[in-house]
Amino acid sequence: MTLPRVSLVLLFLACLIWFAVDHRQLVSPTPDNESVFLKTYTPAKVIDQFKAAPFSEQSVGSSSGAEQEFATHQADFEPTLVIKTGDWVALMQALRDDVTSRLTALKCLIVEESGNPAEGFKIKYAIGKSQGTIILDPVRSAPNSLAAAAPGPDQSAVKLRIQIKEKWFKADAHPITAQLRAQSF
C-alpha cells in the first residue's frame, strides 16, 4: 500500500473510532429518566375549575431526545376554553400555584421562579438527576376557536400554553449543581 492510501485508511479508522466513542456518550430517553412530575402533570383540574361553558379542547404533545451527557423530555399542553371574562388573572395564578405545589409535594427544588399573570410564569426546578423548566404562557384571546361554545355575556374563549422541558443528566445533579446549571436549561 502506498503512503497516501495508508493515510486515508488510518483517517477513516480514526473517524469510525471517534464516532463510536462519541455515540456511546449519548444518553437515550427512557421512562426511567423522566421525572414523576413530568410523567403525571396535567392542568385538567385547574382548567375544569375555570370553565364557564362545558365545551373545551386541548392539544397535548410530548417529545424526547438523546444528547451527550443528558436525555431530554418535553410536554406541551394547549387548552382552549371559555372562562368568565374577569377570571384570566385568577386562572394564571391557579395554574402557577398548582405547578409549584406539585413540585413541592414531589420534593423538587424550585431553583428559580419569575413572571406574573400578564406576562406568564417561568419556573425552574431540580430533582435527583433531572432539571426542568416550566413555561406558563399568558392567557390569550381565542375568538371563534370553539364553534360549539359561543361565549355568553361576560365570557371569553381563551387559549393557554404550558411547556415543560426537562433534562436528565448522567451525572448527579446535586441542588447546588442544579443552580449552577440553571442557565443551561
N, C-alpha and C. Protein backbone atom coordinates (compact mmCIF):
# COMPACT_ATOMS: atom_id res chain seq x y z
N MET A 1 0.84 -1.18 0.00
CA MET A 1 0.00 0.00 0.00
C MET A 1 0.88 1.24 0.00
N THR A 2 0.45 2.24 -0.71
CA THR A 2 1.23 3.46 -0.77
C THR A 2 0.89 4.33 0.44
N LEU A 3 1.75 5.27 0.70
CA LEU A 3 1.60 6.15 1.85
C LEU A 3 0.27 6.92 1.84
N PRO A 4 -0.19 7.49 0.70
CA PRO A 4 -1.48 8.19 0.71
C PRO A 4 -2.66 7.26 1.05
N ARG A 5 -2.61 6.01 0.57
CA ARG A 5 -3.69 5.07 0.87
C ARG A 5 -3.68 4.69 2.35
N VAL A 6 -2.50 4.48 2.90
CA VAL A 6 -2.38 4.15 4.32
C VAL A 6 -2.93 5.31 5.16
N SER A 7 -2.57 6.51 4.78
CA SER A 7 -3.07 7.69 5.50
C SER A 7 -4.59 7.79 5.41
N LEU A 8 -5.13 7.51 4.24
CA LEU A 8 -6.57 7.57 4.06
C LEU A 8 -7.27 6.50 4.90
N VAL A 9 -6.73 5.29 4.94
CA VAL A 9 -7.30 4.21 5.74
C VAL A 9 -7.23 4.56 7.23
N LEU A 10 -6.09 5.09 7.68
CA LEU A 10 -5.94 5.48 9.09
C LEU A 10 -6.92 6.60 9.46
N LEU A 11 -7.10 7.55 8.57
CA LEU A 11 -8.05 8.64 8.81
C LEU A 11 -9.47 8.09 8.92
N PHE A 12 -9.82 7.17 8.04
CA PHE A 12 -11.14 6.55 8.06
C PHE A 12 -11.35 5.78 9.37
N LEU A 13 -10.36 5.00 9.79
CA LEU A 13 -10.46 4.25 11.05
C LEU A 13 -10.57 5.20 12.24
N ALA A 14 -9.82 6.29 12.22
CA ALA A 14 -9.89 7.28 13.30
C ALA A 14 -11.30 7.87 13.38
N CYS A 15 -11.89 8.16 12.24
CA CYS A 15 -13.26 8.71 12.22
C CYS A 15 -14.26 7.70 12.77
N LEU A 16 -14.12 6.43 12.40
CA LEU A 16 -15.01 5.39 12.92
C LEU A 16 -14.89 5.25 14.43
N ILE A 17 -13.67 5.27 14.93
CA ILE A 17 -13.45 5.16 16.38
C ILE A 17 -14.04 6.37 17.08
N TRP A 18 -13.81 7.57 16.53
CA TRP A 18 -14.35 8.79 17.13
C TRP A 18 -15.88 8.73 17.16
N PHE A 19 -16.51 8.29 16.08
CA PHE A 19 -17.96 8.20 16.03
C PHE A 19 -18.48 7.20 17.06
N ALA A 20 -17.81 6.05 17.17
CA ALA A 20 -18.25 5.03 18.13
C ALA A 20 -18.14 5.54 19.56
N VAL A 21 -17.06 6.20 19.91
CA VAL A 21 -16.87 6.74 21.25
C VAL A 21 -17.87 7.87 21.50
N ASP A 22 -18.02 8.75 20.54
CA ASP A 22 -18.94 9.88 20.68
C ASP A 22 -20.37 9.38 20.84
N HIS A 23 -20.77 8.38 20.08
CA HIS A 23 -22.12 7.83 20.14
C HIS A 23 -22.41 7.19 21.50
N ARG A 24 -21.41 6.59 22.12
CA ARG A 24 -21.60 5.94 23.42
C ARG A 24 -21.91 6.96 24.52
N GLN A 25 -21.55 8.22 24.31
CA GLN A 25 -21.80 9.24 25.32
C GLN A 25 -23.22 9.79 25.25
N LEU A 26 -23.97 9.40 24.22
CA LEU A 26 -25.36 9.83 24.12
C LEU A 26 -26.17 9.15 25.21
N VAL A 27 -27.07 9.91 25.81
CA VAL A 27 -27.97 9.37 26.82
C VAL A 27 -29.35 9.28 26.18
N SER A 28 -29.85 8.09 26.04
CA SER A 28 -31.15 7.87 25.41
C SER A 28 -32.28 8.14 26.40
N PRO A 29 -33.36 8.76 25.93
CA PRO A 29 -34.51 8.99 26.81
C PRO A 29 -35.27 7.68 27.05
N THR A 30 -35.63 7.45 28.30
CA THR A 30 -36.43 6.29 28.68
C THR A 30 -37.41 6.73 29.77
N PRO A 31 -38.42 5.94 30.06
CA PRO A 31 -39.31 6.29 31.17
C PRO A 31 -38.56 6.38 32.50
N ASP A 32 -37.46 5.65 32.62
CA ASP A 32 -36.68 5.67 33.87
C ASP A 32 -35.97 7.00 34.10
N ASN A 33 -35.70 7.77 33.03
CA ASN A 33 -35.02 9.05 33.24
C ASN A 33 -35.95 10.24 32.98
N GLU A 34 -37.24 10.00 33.16
CA GLU A 34 -38.25 11.05 33.10
C GLU A 34 -38.80 11.23 34.51
N SER A 35 -38.87 12.45 35.01
CA SER A 35 -39.31 12.66 36.38
C SER A 35 -40.78 12.30 36.57
N VAL A 36 -41.13 11.99 37.81
CA VAL A 36 -42.51 11.69 38.15
C VAL A 36 -43.39 12.90 37.84
N PHE A 37 -42.87 14.10 38.09
CA PHE A 37 -43.64 15.31 37.79
C PHE A 37 -44.04 15.34 36.32
N LEU A 38 -43.07 15.15 35.43
CA LEU A 38 -43.35 15.22 34.00
C LEU A 38 -44.29 14.09 33.57
N LYS A 39 -44.13 12.92 34.15
CA LYS A 39 -44.98 11.78 33.80
C LYS A 39 -46.43 11.99 34.21
N THR A 40 -46.66 12.71 35.31
CA THR A 40 -48.00 12.78 35.89
C THR A 40 -48.69 14.14 35.76
N TYR A 41 -47.98 15.18 35.35
CA TYR A 41 -48.59 16.51 35.35
C TYR A 41 -49.68 16.63 34.28
N THR A 42 -50.76 17.23 34.68
CA THR A 42 -51.82 17.65 33.77
C THR A 42 -52.50 18.87 34.40
N PRO A 43 -52.87 19.86 33.60
CA PRO A 43 -53.56 21.04 34.15
C PRO A 43 -55.08 20.85 34.24
N ALA A 44 -55.57 19.65 33.99
CA ALA A 44 -57.01 19.41 33.85
C ALA A 44 -57.85 19.89 35.04
N LYS A 45 -57.40 19.62 36.27
CA LYS A 45 -58.21 20.01 37.44
C LYS A 45 -58.37 21.53 37.53
N VAL A 46 -57.29 22.24 37.27
CA VAL A 46 -57.36 23.71 37.32
C VAL A 46 -58.24 24.23 36.19
N ILE A 47 -58.05 23.69 35.01
CA ILE A 47 -58.86 24.11 33.85
C ILE A 47 -60.35 23.90 34.14
N ASP A 48 -60.68 22.74 34.69
CA ASP A 48 -62.09 22.42 34.99
C ASP A 48 -62.70 23.42 35.97
N GLN A 49 -61.92 23.93 36.91
CA GLN A 49 -62.42 24.89 37.89
C GLN A 49 -62.82 26.21 37.25
N PHE A 50 -62.21 26.55 36.11
CA PHE A 50 -62.45 27.86 35.50
C PHE A 50 -63.33 27.82 34.27
N LYS A 51 -63.74 26.65 33.83
CA LYS A 51 -64.60 26.55 32.65
C LYS A 51 -65.95 27.21 32.93
N ALA A 52 -66.33 28.13 32.07
CA ALA A 52 -67.64 28.78 32.19
C ALA A 52 -68.64 28.15 31.23
N ALA A 53 -68.15 27.25 30.38
CA ALA A 53 -69.01 26.51 29.45
C ALA A 53 -68.45 25.08 29.38
N PRO A 54 -69.31 24.11 29.12
CA PRO A 54 -68.84 22.72 29.14
C PRO A 54 -67.89 22.35 27.99
N PHE A 55 -67.84 23.19 26.97
CA PHE A 55 -67.02 22.87 25.81
C PHE A 55 -65.60 23.36 26.00
N SER A 56 -64.65 22.51 25.64
CA SER A 56 -63.25 22.91 25.63
C SER A 56 -62.50 21.92 24.76
N GLU A 57 -61.28 22.26 24.45
CA GLU A 57 -60.42 21.33 23.72
C GLU A 57 -59.00 21.51 24.23
N GLN A 58 -58.19 20.48 24.03
CA GLN A 58 -56.82 20.57 24.49
C GLN A 58 -55.91 19.77 23.57
N SER A 59 -54.86 20.42 23.13
CA SER A 59 -53.81 19.73 22.38
C SER A 59 -52.73 19.35 23.37
N VAL A 60 -52.27 18.12 23.29
CA VAL A 60 -51.21 17.64 24.18
C VAL A 60 -50.16 16.99 23.31
N GLY A 61 -48.90 17.30 23.59
CA GLY A 61 -47.82 16.69 22.84
C GLY A 61 -46.64 16.42 23.75
N SER A 62 -45.81 15.48 23.33
CA SER A 62 -44.60 15.21 24.08
C SER A 62 -43.51 14.78 23.12
N SER A 63 -42.27 14.97 23.54
CA SER A 63 -41.14 14.55 22.73
C SER A 63 -39.97 14.24 23.65
N SER A 64 -39.00 13.53 23.12
CA SER A 64 -37.80 13.16 23.87
C SER A 64 -36.63 13.18 22.91
N GLY A 65 -35.44 13.29 23.48
CA GLY A 65 -34.25 13.27 22.63
C GLY A 65 -33.03 12.80 23.38
N ALA A 66 -32.08 12.27 22.62
CA ALA A 66 -30.80 11.83 23.18
C ALA A 66 -29.75 12.90 22.90
N GLU A 67 -29.01 13.26 23.91
CA GLU A 67 -27.95 14.26 23.79
C GLU A 67 -26.71 13.70 24.47
N GLN A 68 -25.60 14.38 24.30
CA GLN A 68 -24.39 13.97 25.01
C GLN A 68 -24.54 14.36 26.47
N GLU A 69 -24.36 13.39 27.34
CA GLU A 69 -24.38 13.57 28.79
C GLU A 69 -25.78 13.73 29.38
N PHE A 70 -26.83 13.92 28.56
CA PHE A 70 -28.18 14.03 29.12
C PHE A 70 -29.24 13.61 28.11
N ALA A 71 -30.41 13.26 28.63
CA ALA A 71 -31.59 12.96 27.81
C ALA A 71 -32.58 14.10 28.01
N THR A 72 -33.36 14.41 26.99
CA THR A 72 -34.36 15.47 27.10
C THR A 72 -35.76 14.87 27.01
N HIS A 73 -36.67 15.51 27.73
CA HIS A 73 -38.09 15.16 27.68
C HIS A 73 -38.86 16.47 27.65
N GLN A 74 -39.95 16.51 26.90
CA GLN A 74 -40.75 17.72 26.83
C GLN A 74 -42.23 17.36 26.74
N ALA A 75 -43.06 18.17 27.38
CA ALA A 75 -44.52 18.02 27.28
C ALA A 75 -45.11 19.40 27.02
N ASP A 76 -46.13 19.43 26.18
CA ASP A 76 -46.84 20.67 25.85
C ASP A 76 -48.34 20.46 26.03
N PHE A 77 -48.97 21.42 26.68
CA PHE A 77 -50.42 21.42 26.86
C PHE A 77 -50.94 22.73 26.30
N GLU A 78 -51.95 22.66 25.43
CA GLU A 78 -52.53 23.87 24.85
C GLU A 78 -54.05 23.81 24.92
N PRO A 79 -54.60 24.08 26.11
CA PRO A 79 -56.06 24.06 26.24
C PRO A 79 -56.71 25.33 25.69
N THR A 80 -57.91 25.16 25.16
CA THR A 80 -58.76 26.27 24.74
C THR A 80 -60.08 26.08 25.49
N LEU A 81 -60.55 27.14 26.14
CA LEU A 81 -61.77 27.02 26.94
C LEU A 81 -62.47 28.37 27.05
N VAL A 82 -63.67 28.33 27.55
CA VAL A 82 -64.45 29.55 27.80
C VAL A 82 -64.40 29.81 29.30
N ILE A 83 -63.99 31.04 29.67
CA ILE A 83 -63.94 31.44 31.07
C ILE A 83 -64.77 32.70 31.26
N LYS A 84 -65.05 33.03 32.52
CA LYS A 84 -65.66 34.33 32.81
C LYS A 84 -64.61 35.38 32.47
N THR A 85 -65.03 36.45 31.87
CA THR A 85 -64.12 37.46 31.34
C THR A 85 -63.09 37.95 32.36
N GLY A 86 -63.45 38.13 33.58
CA GLY A 86 -62.52 38.65 34.58
C GLY A 86 -61.64 37.61 35.26
N ASP A 87 -61.75 36.35 34.88
CA ASP A 87 -61.05 35.28 35.59
C ASP A 87 -59.65 34.96 35.07
N TRP A 88 -59.15 35.67 34.06
CA TRP A 88 -57.87 35.27 33.47
C TRP A 88 -56.71 35.39 34.46
N VAL A 89 -56.70 36.41 35.33
CA VAL A 89 -55.62 36.54 36.31
C VAL A 89 -55.69 35.40 37.32
N ALA A 90 -56.88 35.10 37.81
CA ALA A 90 -57.05 34.01 38.77
C ALA A 90 -56.68 32.67 38.14
N LEU A 91 -57.00 32.47 36.86
CA LEU A 91 -56.64 31.23 36.17
C LEU A 91 -55.12 31.08 36.09
N MET A 92 -54.43 32.13 35.70
CA MET A 92 -52.96 32.07 35.62
C MET A 92 -52.34 31.81 36.98
N GLN A 93 -52.85 32.48 38.01
CA GLN A 93 -52.31 32.29 39.35
C GLN A 93 -52.58 30.87 39.86
N ALA A 94 -53.77 30.34 39.55
CA ALA A 94 -54.11 28.98 39.97
C ALA A 94 -53.21 27.95 39.27
N LEU A 95 -52.92 28.16 38.00
CA LEU A 95 -52.01 27.25 37.28
C LEU A 95 -50.62 27.29 37.89
N ARG A 96 -50.13 28.49 38.18
CA ARG A 96 -48.82 28.64 38.81
C ARG A 96 -48.78 27.96 40.18
N ASP A 97 -49.81 28.21 40.98
CA ASP A 97 -49.88 27.60 42.31
C ASP A 97 -49.96 26.07 42.23
N ASP A 98 -50.71 25.57 41.26
CA ASP A 98 -50.83 24.12 41.08
C ASP A 98 -49.46 23.51 40.73
N VAL A 99 -48.75 24.13 39.81
CA VAL A 99 -47.43 23.63 39.42
C VAL A 99 -46.47 23.64 40.60
N THR A 100 -46.39 24.76 41.32
CA THR A 100 -45.43 24.85 42.42
C THR A 100 -45.80 23.91 43.56
N SER A 101 -47.09 23.73 43.83
CA SER A 101 -47.47 22.81 44.91
C SER A 101 -47.16 21.36 44.53
N ARG A 102 -47.35 21.01 43.27
CA ARG A 102 -47.00 19.65 42.83
C ARG A 102 -45.50 19.42 42.89
N LEU A 103 -44.73 20.41 42.46
CA LEU A 103 -43.26 20.28 42.55
C LEU A 103 -42.83 20.10 44.00
N THR A 104 -43.39 20.90 44.89
CA THR A 104 -43.04 20.82 46.31
C THR A 104 -43.45 19.46 46.89
N ALA A 105 -44.63 18.98 46.54
CA ALA A 105 -45.10 17.69 47.05
C ALA A 105 -44.19 16.54 46.60
N LEU A 106 -43.58 16.69 45.44
CA LEU A 106 -42.67 15.65 44.91
C LEU A 106 -41.23 15.87 45.35
N LYS A 107 -41.02 16.81 46.27
CA LYS A 107 -39.69 17.11 46.82
C LYS A 107 -38.73 17.68 45.78
N CYS A 108 -39.27 18.39 44.80
CA CYS A 108 -38.44 19.07 43.81
C CYS A 108 -37.94 20.38 44.40
N LEU A 109 -36.74 20.76 44.06
CA LEU A 109 -36.18 22.04 44.47
C LEU A 109 -36.56 23.08 43.41
N ILE A 110 -37.29 24.12 43.80
CA ILE A 110 -37.59 25.20 42.87
C ILE A 110 -36.37 26.12 42.88
N VAL A 111 -35.64 26.11 41.77
CA VAL A 111 -34.37 26.82 41.66
C VAL A 111 -34.60 28.30 41.37
N GLU A 112 -35.57 28.59 40.53
CA GLU A 112 -35.84 29.97 40.14
C GLU A 112 -37.29 30.09 39.71
N GLU A 113 -37.88 31.23 40.02
CA GLU A 113 -39.27 31.48 39.62
C GLU A 113 -39.40 32.94 39.25
N SER A 114 -40.06 33.20 38.12
CA SER A 114 -40.24 34.58 37.69
C SER A 114 -41.55 34.72 36.93
N GLY A 115 -41.98 35.95 36.76
CA GLY A 115 -43.16 36.24 35.95
C GLY A 115 -44.33 36.75 36.74
N ASN A 116 -45.43 36.96 36.02
CA ASN A 116 -46.68 37.44 36.58
C ASN A 116 -47.81 37.00 35.65
N PRO A 117 -49.06 37.14 36.08
CA PRO A 117 -50.17 36.67 35.23
C PRO A 117 -50.23 37.32 33.85
N ALA A 118 -49.86 38.57 33.74
CA ALA A 118 -49.95 39.27 32.45
C ALA A 118 -48.87 38.83 31.46
N GLU A 119 -47.70 38.48 31.97
CA GLU A 119 -46.58 38.11 31.09
C GLU A 119 -46.29 36.61 31.09
N GLY A 120 -46.93 35.87 31.97
CA GLY A 120 -46.69 34.44 32.08
C GLY A 120 -45.67 34.16 33.18
N PHE A 121 -45.47 32.88 33.45
CA PHE A 121 -44.56 32.46 34.51
C PHE A 121 -43.51 31.51 33.95
N LYS A 122 -42.35 31.54 34.59
CA LYS A 122 -41.27 30.60 34.27
C LYS A 122 -40.75 30.05 35.59
N ILE A 123 -40.74 28.73 35.70
CA ILE A 123 -40.32 28.07 36.94
C ILE A 123 -39.26 27.04 36.58
N LYS A 124 -38.09 27.14 37.22
CA LYS A 124 -37.01 26.17 37.02
C LYS A 124 -36.93 25.29 38.27
N TYR A 125 -36.76 23.99 38.06
CA TYR A 125 -36.73 23.06 39.18
C TYR A 125 -35.66 22.00 38.97
N ALA A 126 -35.34 21.30 40.06
CA ALA A 126 -34.38 20.19 40.00
C ALA A 126 -34.83 19.12 40.98
N ILE A 127 -34.62 17.88 40.58
CA ILE A 127 -34.85 16.74 41.46
C ILE A 127 -33.96 15.60 40.99
N GLY A 128 -33.17 15.07 41.91
CA GLY A 128 -32.27 13.99 41.55
C GLY A 128 -31.34 14.40 40.43
N LYS A 129 -31.37 13.65 39.35
CA LYS A 129 -30.53 13.94 38.19
C LYS A 129 -31.26 14.76 37.13
N SER A 130 -32.47 15.22 37.45
CA SER A 130 -33.29 15.97 36.49
C SER A 130 -33.34 17.44 36.81
N GLN A 131 -33.38 18.23 35.75
CA GLN A 131 -33.58 19.68 35.85
C GLN A 131 -34.63 20.04 34.82
N GLY A 132 -35.54 20.93 35.19
CA GLY A 132 -36.59 21.28 34.25
C GLY A 132 -36.98 22.73 34.29
N THR A 133 -37.67 23.13 33.25
CA THR A 133 -38.22 24.48 33.14
C THR A 133 -39.68 24.36 32.73
N ILE A 134 -40.53 25.08 33.43
CA ILE A 134 -41.96 25.12 33.12
C ILE A 134 -42.27 26.54 32.67
N ILE A 135 -42.87 26.65 31.51
CA ILE A 135 -43.25 27.97 30.98
C ILE A 135 -44.77 28.00 30.86
N LEU A 136 -45.38 28.91 31.60
CA LEU A 136 -46.83 29.14 31.53
C LEU A 136 -47.02 30.43 30.74
N ASP A 137 -47.35 30.30 29.46
CA ASP A 137 -47.58 31.48 28.63
C ASP A 137 -48.83 32.20 29.11
N PRO A 138 -48.89 33.53 28.92
CA PRO A 138 -50.08 34.26 29.37
C PRO A 138 -51.34 33.84 28.61
N VAL A 139 -52.47 34.02 29.25
CA VAL A 139 -53.76 33.74 28.62
C VAL A 139 -53.90 34.67 27.41
N ARG A 140 -54.37 34.11 26.31
CA ARG A 140 -54.62 34.95 25.14
C ARG A 140 -56.03 34.67 24.60
N SER A 141 -56.60 35.67 24.01
CA SER A 141 -57.95 35.57 23.48
C SER A 141 -57.98 34.57 22.32
N ALA A 142 -59.07 33.83 22.23
CA ALA A 142 -59.22 32.84 21.16
C ALA A 142 -60.62 32.95 20.56
N PRO A 143 -60.92 34.09 19.94
CA PRO A 143 -62.26 34.25 19.38
C PRO A 143 -62.50 33.21 18.28
N ASN A 144 -63.70 32.68 18.24
CA ASN A 144 -64.12 31.71 17.22
C ASN A 144 -63.37 30.38 17.28
N SER A 145 -62.67 30.09 18.37
CA SER A 145 -61.94 28.83 18.48
C SER A 145 -62.86 27.67 18.77
N LEU A 146 -63.85 27.90 19.57
CA LEU A 146 -64.78 26.83 19.95
C LEU A 146 -66.14 27.13 19.33
N ALA A 147 -66.34 26.65 18.13
CA ALA A 147 -67.58 26.96 17.40
C ALA A 147 -68.83 26.54 18.16
N ALA A 148 -68.75 25.41 18.84
CA ALA A 148 -69.93 24.91 19.57
C ALA A 148 -70.15 25.64 20.88
N ALA A 149 -69.18 26.44 21.28
CA ALA A 149 -69.27 27.10 22.59
C ALA A 149 -69.17 28.61 22.44
N ALA A 150 -70.12 29.19 21.75
CA ALA A 150 -70.10 30.64 21.61
C ALA A 150 -70.20 31.26 23.00
N PRO A 151 -69.20 32.06 23.38
CA PRO A 151 -69.22 32.64 24.72
C PRO A 151 -70.47 33.48 24.95
N GLY A 152 -71.00 33.36 26.13
CA GLY A 152 -72.16 34.15 26.52
C GLY A 152 -71.71 35.52 27.01
N PRO A 153 -72.65 36.27 27.58
CA PRO A 153 -72.28 37.58 28.13
C PRO A 153 -71.26 37.39 29.26
N ASP A 154 -70.29 38.28 29.32
CA ASP A 154 -69.25 38.24 30.34
C ASP A 154 -68.41 36.96 30.29
N GLN A 155 -68.29 36.36 29.10
CA GLN A 155 -67.45 35.18 28.92
C GLN A 155 -66.50 35.41 27.76
N SER A 156 -65.36 34.73 27.81
CA SER A 156 -64.36 34.83 26.74
C SER A 156 -63.78 33.46 26.44
N ALA A 157 -63.56 33.20 25.15
CA ALA A 157 -62.82 32.00 24.76
C ALA A 157 -61.34 32.35 24.83
N VAL A 158 -60.56 31.51 25.51
CA VAL A 158 -59.13 31.79 25.70
C VAL A 158 -58.30 30.55 25.40
N LYS A 159 -57.03 30.80 25.11
CA LYS A 159 -56.05 29.73 24.89
C LYS A 159 -54.93 29.89 25.89
N LEU A 160 -54.39 28.75 26.29
CA LEU A 160 -53.24 28.71 27.19
C LEU A 160 -52.16 27.86 26.54
N ARG A 161 -50.94 28.01 27.00
CA ARG A 161 -49.87 27.10 26.60
C ARG A 161 -48.99 26.86 27.80
N ILE A 162 -48.79 25.58 28.10
CA ILE A 162 -47.92 25.18 29.21
C ILE A 162 -46.86 24.25 28.62
N GLN A 163 -45.60 24.64 28.77
CA GLN A 163 -44.48 23.82 28.28
C GLN A 163 -43.67 23.34 29.46
N ILE A 164 -43.29 22.07 29.41
CA ILE A 164 -42.39 21.52 30.41
C ILE A 164 -41.21 20.93 29.65
N LYS A 165 -40.02 21.43 29.93
CA LYS A 165 -38.81 20.94 29.30
C LYS A 165 -37.90 20.41 30.40
N GLU A 166 -37.43 19.20 30.22
CA GLU A 166 -36.65 18.57 31.28
C GLU A 166 -35.40 17.90 30.70
N LYS A 167 -34.32 17.96 31.47
CA LYS A 167 -33.08 17.26 31.12
C LYS A 167 -32.73 16.32 32.27
N TRP A 168 -32.34 15.10 31.91
CA TRP A 168 -31.87 14.12 32.88
C TRP A 168 -30.40 13.89 32.59
N PHE A 169 -29.56 14.20 33.58
CA PHE A 169 -28.12 14.11 33.40
C PHE A 169 -27.60 12.77 33.88
N LYS A 170 -26.62 12.25 33.15
CA LYS A 170 -25.97 11.00 33.54
C LYS A 170 -25.31 11.16 34.91
N ALA A 171 -24.65 12.28 35.12
CA ALA A 171 -24.01 12.57 36.40
C ALA A 171 -25.04 13.13 37.36
N ASP A 172 -24.78 12.97 38.68
CA ASP A 172 -25.70 13.50 39.68
C ASP A 172 -25.90 15.00 39.51
N ALA A 173 -27.12 15.44 39.73
CA ALA A 173 -27.46 16.86 39.68
C ALA A 173 -27.80 17.32 41.09
N HIS A 174 -26.80 17.43 41.94
CA HIS A 174 -26.97 17.93 43.31
C HIS A 174 -27.62 19.31 43.23
N PRO A 175 -28.43 19.70 44.20
CA PRO A 175 -29.10 21.01 44.14
C PRO A 175 -28.15 22.18 43.85
N ILE A 176 -26.96 22.16 44.40
CA ILE A 176 -26.01 23.25 44.11
C ILE A 176 -25.62 23.20 42.64
N THR A 177 -25.36 22.00 42.13
CA THR A 177 -25.03 21.84 40.72
C THR A 177 -26.20 22.29 39.86
N ALA A 178 -27.40 21.97 40.31
CA ALA A 178 -28.59 22.36 39.56
C ALA A 178 -28.68 23.88 39.43
N GLN A 179 -28.35 24.59 40.49
CA GLN A 179 -28.38 26.06 40.42
C GLN A 179 -27.32 26.56 39.45
N LEU A 180 -26.15 25.95 39.45
CA LEU A 180 -25.10 26.39 38.54
C LEU A 180 -25.45 26.08 37.10
N ARG A 181 -26.15 24.96 36.86
CA ARG A 181 -26.53 24.58 35.51
C ARG A 181 -27.83 25.25 35.06
N ALA A 182 -28.45 26.00 35.93
CA ALA A 182 -29.77 26.57 35.64
C ALA A 182 -29.79 27.36 34.33
N GLN A 183 -28.70 27.98 33.97
CA GLN A 183 -28.66 28.75 32.75
C GLN A 183 -28.68 27.85 31.51
N SER A 184 -28.37 26.57 31.67
CA SER A 184 -28.31 25.69 30.51
C SER A 184 -29.65 25.09 30.14
N PHE A 185 -30.70 25.36 30.91
CA PHE A 185 -31.99 24.76 30.54
C PHE A 185 -33.09 25.74 30.51
